[in-house]
Every structure is written in structure tokens, then in C-alpha cells.
Amino acid sequence: MEGEVVVAAVCNDRQAGGGQLLAPGACITDGLLDIVVILIFPIADVAQVIQEMREPQVPAACPEAASTDAVLFS
């Protein structure tokens, strides 16, 4: 992955302090760390980025969560 990073987080669960959903695909019991990265994007794509953050596409597999391993941002 190449590009200028706007936001990055390493997560072992779905939420950060205060309930901020950072890694909706993270599963605390899978023994993995999820890396979430948002690269710089054109200002014209802000609406799409916000929509993808609100409704991420993640495969379901974590028993205690509705989503797991990856968040797909295009």
C-alpha cells in the first residue's frame, strides 16, 4: 500500500475508547490485530468515503460481532 496516510489505527477490537467504531471487522477473540488505514483522497470523494465508513463491507465470521477481518474501502 502506498500513499499519504490520513488516519491509521491498529485495533484488537471493534471500538476505541468512547465507543468510536474504528475497526468494525475486528474480533477480540481471534488473536489478530486489525490495521485500519485511510489514504489521502480527493475532496470530491468525501461523500463516498463517509458512506463507506458508515456502512463498511466486511465478511461475517466473528462469533460475538456481526463482522470480521477486513474493512474494504475503495
N, C-alpha and C. Protein backbone atom coordinates (compact mmCIF):
# COMPACT_ATOMS: atom_id res chain seq x y z
N MET A 1 0.84 -1.16 0.00
CA MET A 1 0.00 0.00 0.00
C MET A 1 0.90 1.23 0.00
N GLU A 2 0.62 2.12 -0.90
CA GLU A 2 1.38 3.36 -0.97
C GLU A 2 0.43 4.54 -0.95
N GLY A 3 0.89 5.64 -0.42
CA GLY A 3 0.09 6.85 -0.40
C GLY A 3 0.24 7.59 0.91
N GLU A 4 -0.26 8.79 0.95
CA GLU A 4 -0.20 9.61 2.15
C GLU A 4 -1.34 9.20 3.08
N VAL A 5 -1.00 8.86 4.32
CA VAL A 5 -1.98 8.38 5.28
C VAL A 5 -2.68 9.56 5.96
N VAL A 6 -4.02 9.49 5.98
CA VAL A 6 -4.83 10.48 6.68
C VAL A 6 -5.10 10.00 8.10
N VAL A 7 -5.49 8.73 8.24
CA VAL A 7 -5.81 8.12 9.53
C VAL A 7 -5.30 6.69 9.51
N ALA A 8 -4.74 6.25 10.63
CA ALA A 8 -4.32 4.85 10.77
C ALA A 8 -4.56 4.41 12.20
N ALA A 9 -4.95 3.15 12.36
CA ALA A 9 -5.18 2.59 13.69
C ALA A 9 -4.86 1.11 13.67
N VAL A 10 -4.30 0.62 14.77
CA VAL A 10 -4.08 -0.81 14.97
C VAL A 10 -5.03 -1.21 16.09
N CYS A 11 -5.92 -2.15 15.79
CA CYS A 11 -7.00 -2.48 16.72
C CYS A 11 -7.05 -3.97 17.02
N ASN A 12 -7.47 -4.31 18.24
CA ASN A 12 -7.74 -5.71 18.55
C ASN A 12 -9.22 -5.90 18.87
N ASP A 13 -9.99 -4.84 18.79
CA ASP A 13 -11.44 -4.90 18.97
C ASP A 13 -12.09 -3.88 18.06
N ARG A 14 -13.39 -3.88 18.00
CA ARG A 14 -14.13 -3.03 17.07
C ARG A 14 -14.07 -1.55 17.42
N GLN A 15 -14.10 -1.22 18.71
CA GLN A 15 -14.24 0.17 19.12
C GLN A 15 -13.04 0.68 19.89
N ALA A 16 -12.83 1.98 19.80
CA ALA A 16 -11.82 2.66 20.63
C ALA A 16 -12.55 3.24 21.85
N GLY A 17 -11.79 3.83 22.75
CA GLY A 17 -12.40 4.45 23.92
C GLY A 17 -13.49 5.44 23.53
N GLY A 18 -14.53 5.48 24.30
CA GLY A 18 -15.64 6.36 23.99
C GLY A 18 -16.62 5.77 22.99
N GLY A 19 -16.39 4.54 22.56
CA GLY A 19 -17.31 3.87 21.65
C GLY A 19 -17.13 4.18 20.19
N GLN A 20 -16.03 4.86 19.83
CA GLN A 20 -15.78 5.17 18.41
C GLN A 20 -15.50 3.89 17.64
N LEU A 21 -16.33 3.58 16.66
CA LEU A 21 -16.15 2.38 15.84
C LEU A 21 -15.02 2.60 14.85
N LEU A 22 -13.88 1.97 15.10
CA LEU A 22 -12.72 2.12 14.22
C LEU A 22 -12.51 0.93 13.30
N ALA A 23 -12.72 -0.26 13.82
CA ALA A 23 -12.47 -1.48 13.05
C ALA A 23 -13.67 -2.41 13.18
N PRO A 24 -14.73 -2.14 12.42
CA PRO A 24 -15.95 -2.93 12.57
C PRO A 24 -15.74 -4.41 12.29
N GLY A 25 -14.65 -4.77 11.64
CA GLY A 25 -14.37 -6.17 11.37
C GLY A 25 -13.49 -6.85 12.39
N ALA A 26 -13.03 -6.13 13.39
CA ALA A 26 -12.12 -6.72 14.38
C ALA A 26 -12.86 -7.67 15.30
N CYS A 27 -12.18 -8.73 15.69
CA CYS A 27 -12.75 -9.74 16.60
C CYS A 27 -11.74 -9.94 17.72
N ILE A 28 -12.09 -9.56 18.93
CA ILE A 28 -11.14 -9.59 20.04
C ILE A 28 -10.65 -11.00 20.37
N THR A 29 -11.39 -12.03 19.99
CA THR A 29 -11.02 -13.40 20.33
C THR A 29 -10.24 -14.12 19.23
N ASP A 30 -9.94 -13.46 18.10
CA ASP A 30 -9.27 -14.17 17.01
C ASP A 30 -7.74 -14.14 17.10
N GLY A 31 -7.19 -13.40 18.05
CA GLY A 31 -5.74 -13.35 18.21
C GLY A 31 -5.03 -12.50 17.17
N LEU A 32 -5.78 -11.73 16.40
CA LEU A 32 -5.19 -10.91 15.34
C LEU A 32 -5.34 -9.43 15.66
N LEU A 33 -4.46 -8.63 15.08
CA LEU A 33 -4.60 -7.18 15.13
C LEU A 33 -5.12 -6.72 13.77
N ASP A 34 -6.10 -5.86 13.78
CA ASP A 34 -6.65 -5.31 12.54
C ASP A 34 -6.03 -3.94 12.31
N ILE A 35 -5.57 -3.70 11.09
CA ILE A 35 -4.96 -2.42 10.74
C ILE A 35 -5.93 -1.69 9.83
N VAL A 36 -6.30 -0.49 10.26
CA VAL A 36 -7.23 0.33 9.50
C VAL A 36 -6.46 1.55 9.01
N VAL A 37 -6.50 1.78 7.70
CA VAL A 37 -5.78 2.90 7.10
C VAL A 37 -6.70 3.61 6.12
N ILE A 38 -6.74 4.92 6.21
CA ILE A 38 -7.42 5.73 5.21
C ILE A 38 -6.35 6.59 4.55
N LEU A 39 -6.20 6.40 3.26
CA LEU A 39 -5.22 7.16 2.48
C LEU A 39 -5.84 8.48 2.03
N ILE A 40 -5.00 9.43 1.70
CA ILE A 40 -5.49 10.71 1.20
C ILE A 40 -6.35 10.46 -0.04
N PHE A 41 -7.40 11.25 -0.15
CA PHE A 41 -8.34 11.09 -1.26
C PHE A 41 -8.78 12.47 -1.73
N PRO A 42 -9.27 12.54 -2.96
CA PRO A 42 -9.72 13.84 -3.49
C PRO A 42 -10.93 14.34 -2.71
N ILE A 43 -11.01 15.64 -2.53
CA ILE A 43 -12.12 16.25 -1.80
C ILE A 43 -13.46 15.88 -2.42
N ALA A 44 -13.49 15.65 -3.70
CA ALA A 44 -14.73 15.27 -4.39
C ALA A 44 -15.24 13.90 -3.93
N ASP A 45 -14.40 13.09 -3.29
CA ASP A 45 -14.78 11.75 -2.83
C ASP A 45 -15.20 11.70 -1.36
N VAL A 46 -15.29 12.85 -0.70
CA VAL A 46 -15.62 12.88 0.73
C VAL A 46 -16.94 12.16 1.02
N ALA A 47 -17.98 12.42 0.24
CA ALA A 47 -19.28 11.78 0.48
C ALA A 47 -19.17 10.26 0.39
N GLN A 48 -18.44 9.76 -0.59
CA GLN A 48 -18.27 8.32 -0.74
C GLN A 48 -17.49 7.73 0.44
N VAL A 49 -16.44 8.40 0.86
CA VAL A 49 -15.64 7.92 1.99
C VAL A 49 -16.49 7.86 3.26
N ILE A 50 -17.27 8.90 3.50
CA ILE A 50 -18.15 8.92 4.68
C ILE A 50 -19.16 7.78 4.61
N GLN A 51 -19.75 7.56 3.44
CA GLN A 51 -20.71 6.46 3.28
C GLN A 51 -20.05 5.11 3.56
N GLU A 52 -18.84 4.90 3.04
CA GLU A 52 -18.14 3.63 3.25
C GLU A 52 -17.74 3.45 4.71
N MET A 53 -17.45 4.54 5.41
CA MET A 53 -17.13 4.44 6.84
C MET A 53 -18.38 4.10 7.66
N ARG A 54 -19.52 4.63 7.25
CA ARG A 54 -20.77 4.36 7.97
C ARG A 54 -21.30 2.97 7.68
N GLU A 55 -21.06 2.48 6.47
CA GLU A 55 -21.58 1.17 6.06
C GLU A 55 -20.44 0.35 5.44
N PRO A 56 -19.47 -0.07 6.27
CA PRO A 56 -18.34 -0.83 5.72
C PRO A 56 -18.78 -2.20 5.23
N GLN A 57 -18.06 -2.70 4.24
CA GLN A 57 -18.30 -4.04 3.70
C GLN A 57 -17.32 -4.98 4.38
N VAL A 58 -17.82 -5.82 5.27
CA VAL A 58 -16.95 -6.76 5.99
C VAL A 58 -17.58 -8.14 5.96
N PRO A 59 -16.77 -9.19 5.81
CA PRO A 59 -17.30 -10.55 5.84
C PRO A 59 -17.69 -10.93 7.27
N ALA A 60 -18.75 -11.71 7.46
CA ALA A 60 -19.19 -12.13 8.79
C ALA A 60 -18.50 -13.44 9.18
N ALA A 61 -17.88 -13.47 10.35
CA ALA A 61 -17.27 -14.71 10.83
C ALA A 61 -16.97 -14.66 12.33
N CYS A 62 -16.94 -13.51 12.94
CA CYS A 62 -16.62 -13.39 14.36
C CYS A 62 -17.86 -13.74 15.18
N PRO A 63 -17.75 -14.69 16.11
CA PRO A 63 -18.92 -15.12 16.88
C PRO A 63 -19.62 -14.00 17.65
N GLU A 64 -18.87 -13.09 18.24
CA GLU A 64 -19.52 -12.04 19.04
C GLU A 64 -19.73 -10.74 18.29
N ALA A 65 -19.42 -10.70 17.02
CA ALA A 65 -19.61 -9.49 16.22
C ALA A 65 -20.27 -9.83 14.91
N ALA A 66 -20.88 -8.86 14.30
CA ALA A 66 -21.52 -9.09 13.02
C ALA A 66 -20.53 -9.07 11.87
N SER A 67 -19.28 -8.73 12.15
CA SER A 67 -18.30 -8.60 11.08
C SER A 67 -16.91 -9.02 11.57
N THR A 68 -15.98 -9.25 10.60
CA THR A 68 -14.63 -9.67 10.97
C THR A 68 -13.54 -9.03 10.16
N ASP A 69 -12.53 -9.72 9.88
CA ASP A 69 -11.18 -9.42 9.46
C ASP A 69 -10.87 -8.21 8.61
N ALA A 70 -11.76 -7.70 7.82
CA ALA A 70 -11.34 -6.63 6.91
C ALA A 70 -12.44 -5.62 6.68
N VAL A 71 -12.02 -4.41 6.48
CA VAL A 71 -12.92 -3.36 6.04
C VAL A 71 -12.43 -2.95 4.65
N LEU A 72 -13.33 -2.96 3.70
CA LEU A 72 -12.94 -2.68 2.32
C LEU A 72 -13.33 -1.27 1.93
N PHE A 73 -12.35 -0.41 1.80
CA PHE A 73 -12.57 0.96 1.32
C PHE A 73 -12.04 1.04 -0.09
N SER A 74 -12.82 1.56 -0.99
CA SER A 74 -12.31 1.66 -2.37
C SER A 74 -11.82 3.05 -2.65
